[in-house]
Amino acid sequence: MEFIAFAIAISVAYQALKGFRLSKERTLLFLNLSFSLLGAGLLIDSFSNAVVLLARFHRGVIFLSALGYTINFIVQVFAYGILVFAYLQQARGVTVGTVVAALPIAFFEHNAITELILIFLLVYISAQTAINHSISKTTNSLLVFGAFTSLVVSHVFFLLFTLAPIFFPFAHVAQLFGFLLLLGMLLRVNQSR
């Protein structure tokens, strides 16, 4: 599933860059950087889990799964932090130093604290996209709001996964859906230009 999410995240990043080149809107550049990072994190996590699976969970390589998750988590914090920064800068003119000072957080396994941090960041982004949609009332703003809301739901499922494994596939499906909604919005924007 992470390989599919990686492909979609890279597609979102590419479409955001293509849109930035056409419109010169900085938010598309932030979206490109954010989803490039998300794609890289997903790819690293995917490869580390694939190695562990291919080694049939051998004791010598099992640490790679935790290492891949840790790298993916750190990258997600930075990626979503970039989007939070973009919205804060758009609203209030916050400096880069303020945001960077709040980001040096690292956790090493799936746990409730890491997921709560990501949920907090995504809820803020979702609230900002809801405000944008309430103002503009366009299909594209609705797709962005739906995408980030779906990402919030996916991380709620990842949080619930720490309690029961049944939520893991639901988390990935919600994440893929969110990425697809963003990709759909970017394709719409790029086709209209």
Protein backbone atom coordinates (compact mmCIF):
# COMPACT_ATOMS: atom_id res chain seq x y z
CA MET A 1 0.00 0.00 0.00
CA GLU A 2 2.83 2.41 0.77
CA PHE A 3 4.19 1.96 -2.76
CA ILE A 4 0.82 3.04 -4.19
CA ALA A 5 0.67 5.98 -1.78
CA PHE A 6 4.23 6.88 -2.83
CA ALA A 7 3.24 6.93 -6.52
CA ILE A 8 0.20 9.10 -5.82
CA ALA A 9 2.18 11.47 -3.57
CA ILE A 10 4.82 11.93 -6.28
CA SER A 11 2.05 12.52 -8.83
CA VAL A 12 0.55 15.18 -6.55
CA ALA A 13 3.99 16.79 -6.17
CA TYR A 14 4.53 16.79 -9.94
CA GLN A 15 1.12 18.30 -10.66
CA ALA A 16 1.67 20.94 -7.96
CA LEU A 17 5.01 21.88 -9.54
CA LYS A 18 3.40 22.01 -12.97
CA GLY A 19 0.68 24.28 -11.55
CA PHE A 20 3.30 26.47 -9.85
CA ARG A 21 5.16 26.92 -13.12
CA LEU A 22 1.95 28.06 -14.78
CA SER A 23 0.55 30.29 -12.04
CA LYS A 24 3.52 31.20 -9.80
CA GLU A 25 1.31 30.63 -6.71
CA ARG A 26 3.58 29.91 -3.73
CA THR A 27 1.04 27.58 -2.11
CA LEU A 28 1.53 25.17 -5.03
CA LEU A 29 5.28 25.27 -4.42
CA PHE A 30 4.71 24.45 -0.75
CA LEU A 31 2.36 21.63 -1.81
CA ASN A 32 5.04 20.32 -4.19
CA LEU A 33 7.71 20.32 -1.49
CA SER A 34 5.35 18.78 1.06
CA PHE A 35 4.25 15.91 -1.18
CA SER A 36 7.77 15.31 -2.47
CA LEU A 37 8.78 14.79 1.16
CA LEU A 38 5.73 12.61 1.85
CA GLY A 39 6.57 10.49 -1.20
CA ALA A 40 10.19 10.09 -0.08
CA GLY A 41 9.11 9.06 3.41
CA LEU A 42 6.60 6.55 2.07
CA LEU A 43 9.22 5.10 -0.28
CA ILE A 44 11.76 4.65 2.53
CA ASP A 45 9.12 3.04 4.76
CA SER A 46 8.04 0.77 1.90
CA PHE A 47 11.58 -0.37 1.13
CA SER A 48 12.40 -1.01 4.78
CA ASN A 49 9.24 -3.08 5.24
CA ALA A 50 9.88 -4.96 1.98
CA VAL A 51 13.39 -5.89 3.15
CA VAL A 52 12.00 -7.15 6.45
CA LEU A 53 9.36 -9.21 4.61
CA LEU A 54 11.87 -10.62 2.12
CA ALA A 55 14.16 -11.58 4.99
CA ARG A 56 11.16 -13.33 6.58
CA PHE A 57 11.32 -11.18 9.69
CA HIS A 58 14.90 -12.23 10.49
CA ARG A 59 16.16 -10.78 13.77
CA GLY A 60 19.06 -9.07 12.04
CA VAL A 61 16.84 -6.86 9.85
CA ILE A 62 13.67 -6.38 11.91
CA PHE A 63 15.01 -3.02 13.15
CA LEU A 64 14.64 -1.70 9.58
CA SER A 65 10.87 -1.58 9.99
CA ALA A 66 11.16 0.75 13.00
CA LEU A 67 13.85 2.79 11.25
CA GLY A 68 11.67 3.17 8.13
CA TYR A 69 8.70 4.23 10.23
CA THR A 70 10.83 6.75 12.15
CA ILE A 71 12.14 8.33 8.97
CA ASN A 72 8.62 8.39 7.50
CA PHE A 73 7.22 10.00 10.66
CA ILE A 74 9.89 12.72 10.75
CA VAL A 75 9.32 13.42 7.06
CA GLN A 76 5.54 13.61 7.61
CA VAL A 77 5.98 16.10 10.45
CA PHE A 78 8.13 18.28 8.22
CA ALA A 79 5.80 17.86 5.22
CA TYR A 80 2.65 18.74 7.13
CA GLY A 81 4.61 21.41 9.00
CA ILE A 82 5.40 23.02 5.64
CA LEU A 83 1.69 23.16 4.85
CA VAL A 84 0.88 24.57 8.29
CA PHE A 85 3.61 27.15 7.73
CA ALA A 86 2.12 28.01 4.33
CA TYR A 87 -1.30 28.63 5.88
CA LEU A 88 0.15 30.54 8.83
CA GLN A 89 2.29 32.69 6.55
CA GLN A 90 -0.71 33.35 4.33
CA ALA A 91 -2.80 34.36 7.35
CA ARG A 92 -0.33 36.06 9.68
CA GLY A 93 3.14 36.34 8.15
CA VAL A 94 4.89 33.84 10.48
CA THR A 95 8.66 33.46 10.00
CA VAL A 96 10.43 30.24 9.03
CA GLY A 97 12.41 30.22 12.30
CA THR A 98 9.25 30.00 14.38
CA VAL A 99 8.05 26.89 12.59
CA VAL A 100 11.44 25.17 12.39
CA ALA A 101 11.95 25.62 16.15
CA ALA A 102 8.74 23.66 16.79
CA LEU A 103 9.60 20.66 14.57
CA PRO A 104 12.60 18.73 16.00
CA ILE A 105 10.50 15.81 17.28
CA ALA A 106 11.43 12.15 16.72
CA PHE A 107 9.66 8.97 17.79
CA PHE A 108 10.69 5.47 16.82
CA GLU A 109 7.58 3.27 16.61
CA HIS A 110 3.90 3.45 15.81
CA ASN A 111 2.40 4.96 18.90
CA ALA A 112 -0.41 7.24 19.98
CA ILE A 113 1.78 10.29 20.56
CA THR A 114 3.19 10.37 17.03
CA GLU A 115 -0.23 9.94 15.48
CA LEU A 116 -1.71 12.65 17.71
CA ILE A 117 0.99 15.07 16.53
CA LEU A 118 0.17 14.32 12.88
CA ILE A 119 -3.58 14.51 13.58
CA PHE A 120 -3.11 17.92 15.21
CA LEU A 121 -1.20 19.24 12.18
CA LEU A 122 -3.74 17.80 9.75
CA VAL A 123 -6.75 19.10 11.70
CA TYR A 124 -5.27 22.59 11.49
CA ILE A 125 -4.71 22.21 7.73
CA SER A 126 -8.24 20.82 7.31
CA ALA A 127 -9.71 23.75 9.23
CA GLN A 128 -7.84 26.19 7.00
CA THR A 129 -9.04 24.39 3.87
CA ALA A 130 -12.61 24.46 5.25
CA ILE A 131 -12.31 28.23 5.72
CA ASN A 132 -10.94 28.58 2.19
CA HIS A 133 -13.83 26.51 0.84
CA SER A 134 -16.43 28.51 2.79
CA ILE A 135 -15.06 31.67 1.19
CA SER A 136 -14.50 30.51 -2.38
CA LYS A 137 -17.11 27.71 -2.67
CA THR A 138 -15.35 26.11 -5.65
CA THR A 139 -15.04 22.45 -6.57
CA ASN A 140 -11.26 22.63 -6.25
CA SER A 141 -11.41 24.02 -2.72
CA LEU A 142 -13.90 21.27 -1.82
CA LEU A 143 -11.52 18.63 -3.20
CA VAL A 144 -8.65 20.06 -1.10
CA PHE A 145 -10.83 20.12 2.01
CA GLY A 146 -11.98 16.55 1.34
CA ALA A 147 -8.40 15.42 0.79
CA PHE A 148 -7.07 16.78 4.07
CA THR A 149 -10.14 15.59 5.96
CA SER A 150 -9.49 12.13 4.54
CA LEU A 151 -5.87 12.36 5.71
CA VAL A 152 -7.13 13.26 9.20
CA VAL A 153 -9.39 10.20 9.13
CA SER A 154 -6.48 8.04 7.97
CA HIS A 155 -4.34 9.14 10.91
CA VAL A 156 -7.24 8.56 13.31
CA PHE A 157 -7.32 5.01 11.94
CA PHE A 158 -3.52 4.79 12.37
CA LEU A 159 -4.07 5.93 15.97
CA LEU A 160 -6.71 3.24 16.45
CA PHE A 161 -4.29 0.73 14.87
CA THR A 162 -2.14 1.11 17.98
CA LEU A 163 -5.11 -0.46 19.82
CA ALA A 164 -6.39 -2.97 17.24
CA PRO A 165 -4.75 -4.16 13.98
CA ILE A 166 -8.08 -4.20 12.10
CA PHE A 167 -7.81 -0.43 11.52
CA PHE A 168 -4.54 -0.63 9.53
CA PRO A 169 -6.09 -1.29 6.08
CA PHE A 170 -8.75 1.37 6.67
CA ALA A 171 -6.00 3.87 7.47
CA HIS A 172 -4.22 3.16 4.20
CA VAL A 173 -7.42 3.33 2.15
CA ALA A 174 -8.31 6.72 3.68
CA GLN A 175 -4.78 7.96 3.02
CA LEU A 176 -4.89 6.83 -0.61
CA PHE A 177 -8.29 8.47 -1.04
CA GLY A 178 -6.96 11.77 0.33
CA PHE A 179 -3.96 11.66 -2.00
CA LEU A 180 -6.23 10.87 -4.96
CA LEU A 181 -8.50 13.82 -4.14
CA LEU A 182 -5.51 16.16 -4.13
CA LEU A 183 -4.25 14.66 -7.37
CA GLY A 184 -7.70 15.13 -8.92
CA MET A 185 -7.78 18.78 -7.88
CA LEU A 186 -4.34 19.45 -9.32
CA LEU A 187 -5.23 17.72 -12.58
CA ARG A 188 -8.37 19.91 -12.81
CA VAL A 189 -6.35 23.07 -12.15
CA ASN A 190 -3.64 22.18 -14.66
CA GLN A 191 -6.17 21.25 -17.37
CA SER A 192 -7.98 24.58 -17.02
CA ARG A 193 -4.77 26.56 -17.69
